[in-house]
Amino acid sequence: MKRRLTKSDIGQVAKFSYLKELLVPRVRATIDGLPFTRMGFARAKNILKAKNGIPSDLANAYIQSIMGLPVITGTNPARICEFYEKLVTNIQTLESMGKEKEIRGYVRLTLGKLPGIRLDDDWQE
């Protein structure tokens, strides 16, 4: 009998998929054989933490991913949505690690990657 996927399961599978996208091929190879399931994601995290789990290095990888987001010229909704989804995923992961304070200095730079969207001068509030 198959077990139904819950929203939590789907979220874990999505995080697992995104994690694999962020990894360099050499590191990704260590978890490539794991299934795209909640348990597979948990095992992948344990493997990666055991081999590469320095929290500051992990946080730095997510920050670098944010800094690597492309400049979106114009107001193409699909490109802006893709940018937003990648940004939110990285920020949420940093928050779950308790490292959200490390990205505060990059807000203006990140918003500057969206020149087609008018920035509100009161964005800090």
Protein backbone atom coordinates (compact mmCIF):
# COMPACT_ATOMS: atom_id res chain seq x y z
CA MET A 1 0.00 0.00 0.00
CA LYS A 2 1.40 3.37 -1.02
CA ARG A 3 1.58 6.15 1.51
CA ARG A 4 0.18 9.52 0.44
CA LEU A 5 2.57 12.45 0.31
CA THR A 6 1.87 15.24 2.75
CA LYS A 7 2.69 18.91 2.24
CA SER A 8 5.62 18.39 4.57
CA ASP A 9 6.90 15.50 2.43
CA ILE A 10 6.60 17.57 -0.73
CA GLY A 11 8.45 20.45 0.93
CA GLN A 12 11.29 18.15 1.93
CA VAL A 13 11.52 16.69 -1.57
CA ALA A 14 11.59 20.20 -3.07
CA LYS A 15 14.35 21.22 -0.66
CA PHE A 16 16.27 18.07 -1.57
CA SER A 17 15.97 18.89 -5.26
CA TYR A 18 17.14 22.46 -4.71
CA LEU A 19 20.00 21.30 -2.49
CA LYS A 20 21.24 19.05 -5.27
CA GLU A 21 21.16 21.99 -7.70
CA LEU A 22 23.40 24.02 -5.39
CA LEU A 23 26.06 21.37 -4.93
CA VAL A 24 29.16 21.12 -7.06
CA PRO A 25 29.29 17.82 -9.01
CA ARG A 26 31.92 16.23 -6.77
CA VAL A 27 29.83 16.78 -3.64
CA ARG A 28 26.53 16.00 -5.39
CA ALA A 29 27.92 12.58 -6.37
CA THR A 30 27.92 11.56 -2.69
CA ILE A 31 24.11 11.83 -2.51
CA ASP A 32 23.04 11.15 -6.11
CA GLY A 33 21.82 7.62 -5.37
CA LEU A 34 19.43 8.68 -2.63
CA PRO A 35 15.69 8.65 -3.38
CA PHE A 36 13.73 11.90 -3.64
CA THR A 37 11.82 11.29 -0.43
CA ARG A 38 11.71 12.84 3.01
CA MET A 39 14.00 10.06 4.27
CA GLY A 40 16.35 10.55 1.31
CA PHE A 41 16.62 14.26 2.15
CA ALA A 42 17.33 13.48 5.80
CA ARG A 43 20.04 11.00 4.82
CA ALA A 44 21.55 13.50 2.36
CA LYS A 45 21.74 16.16 5.08
CA ASN A 46 23.44 13.73 7.44
CA ILE A 47 25.96 12.67 4.78
CA LEU A 48 26.74 16.24 3.81
CA LYS A 49 27.03 17.39 7.41
CA ALA A 50 29.40 14.54 8.21
CA LYS A 51 31.64 15.33 5.24
CA ASN A 52 31.19 19.07 4.77
CA GLY A 53 29.07 20.23 7.68
CA ILE A 54 30.80 23.35 8.85
CA PRO A 55 27.75 25.60 9.42
CA SER A 56 29.52 28.77 8.32
CA ASP A 57 30.50 27.10 5.04
CA LEU A 58 26.93 25.96 4.44
CA ALA A 59 25.57 29.42 5.20
CA ASN A 60 28.19 30.93 2.92
CA ALA A 61 27.04 28.67 0.06
CA TYR A 62 23.48 29.97 0.41
CA ILE A 63 24.69 33.57 0.62
CA GLN A 64 26.80 33.03 -2.51
CA SER A 65 23.72 31.64 -4.24
CA ILE A 66 21.84 34.84 -3.39
CA MET A 67 24.73 36.98 -4.59
CA GLY A 68 24.85 34.92 -7.79
CA LEU A 69 21.27 35.72 -8.71
CA PRO A 70 21.17 37.42 -12.11
CA VAL A 71 20.27 41.04 -12.74
CA ILE A 72 16.72 41.04 -14.10
CA THR A 73 16.32 43.81 -16.63
CA GLY A 74 12.83 44.81 -17.62
CA THR A 75 9.69 43.59 -15.94
CA ASN A 76 9.29 40.05 -17.29
CA PRO A 77 6.98 38.38 -14.72
CA ALA A 78 8.36 34.86 -15.32
CA ARG A 79 11.97 35.95 -14.75
CA ILE A 80 11.03 37.98 -11.68
CA CYS A 81 9.08 35.02 -10.27
CA GLU A 82 12.05 32.69 -10.83
CA PHE A 83 14.36 35.21 -9.14
CA TYR A 84 11.94 35.51 -6.22
CA GLU A 85 11.58 31.75 -5.77
CA LYS A 86 15.35 31.22 -5.68
CA LEU A 87 15.81 34.15 -3.30
CA VAL A 88 13.09 32.96 -0.92
CA THR A 89 14.38 29.38 -0.88
CA ASN A 90 17.87 30.55 0.08
CA ILE A 91 16.58 32.98 2.71
CA GLN A 92 14.28 30.38 4.26
CA THR A 93 17.14 27.91 4.46
CA LEU A 94 19.37 30.49 6.13
CA GLU A 95 16.55 31.28 8.57
CA SER A 96 16.16 27.59 9.41
CA MET A 97 19.90 27.49 10.12
CA GLY A 98 19.62 30.57 12.36
CA LYS A 99 21.89 32.51 9.97
CA GLU A 100 19.46 35.12 8.57
CA LYS A 101 21.40 37.95 10.24
CA GLU A 102 24.33 37.23 7.92
CA ILE A 103 22.41 38.46 4.86
CA ARG A 104 21.10 41.76 6.20
CA GLY A 105 23.96 43.70 4.64
CA TYR A 106 23.13 42.31 1.20
CA VAL A 107 19.52 43.52 0.94
CA ARG A 108 20.22 46.69 -1.05
CA LEU A 109 22.60 44.82 -3.38
CA THR A 110 20.04 42.08 -3.97
CA LEU A 111 17.24 44.56 -4.63
CA GLY A 112 19.58 46.33 -7.05
CA LYS A 113 19.44 43.20 -9.21
CA LEU A 114 15.87 44.20 -10.10
CA PRO A 115 16.39 47.60 -11.76
CA GLY A 116 13.06 47.36 -13.62
CA ILE A 117 11.21 47.42 -10.34
CA ARG A 118 11.07 50.72 -8.51
CA LEU A 119 12.62 50.47 -5.07
CA ASP A 120 10.79 52.20 -2.27
CA ASP A 121 13.16 54.36 -0.25
CA ASP A 122 11.41 53.14 2.90
CA TRP A 123 12.21 49.46 2.20
CA GLN A 124 13.91 49.10 5.58
CA GLU A 125 10.64 49.66 7.41
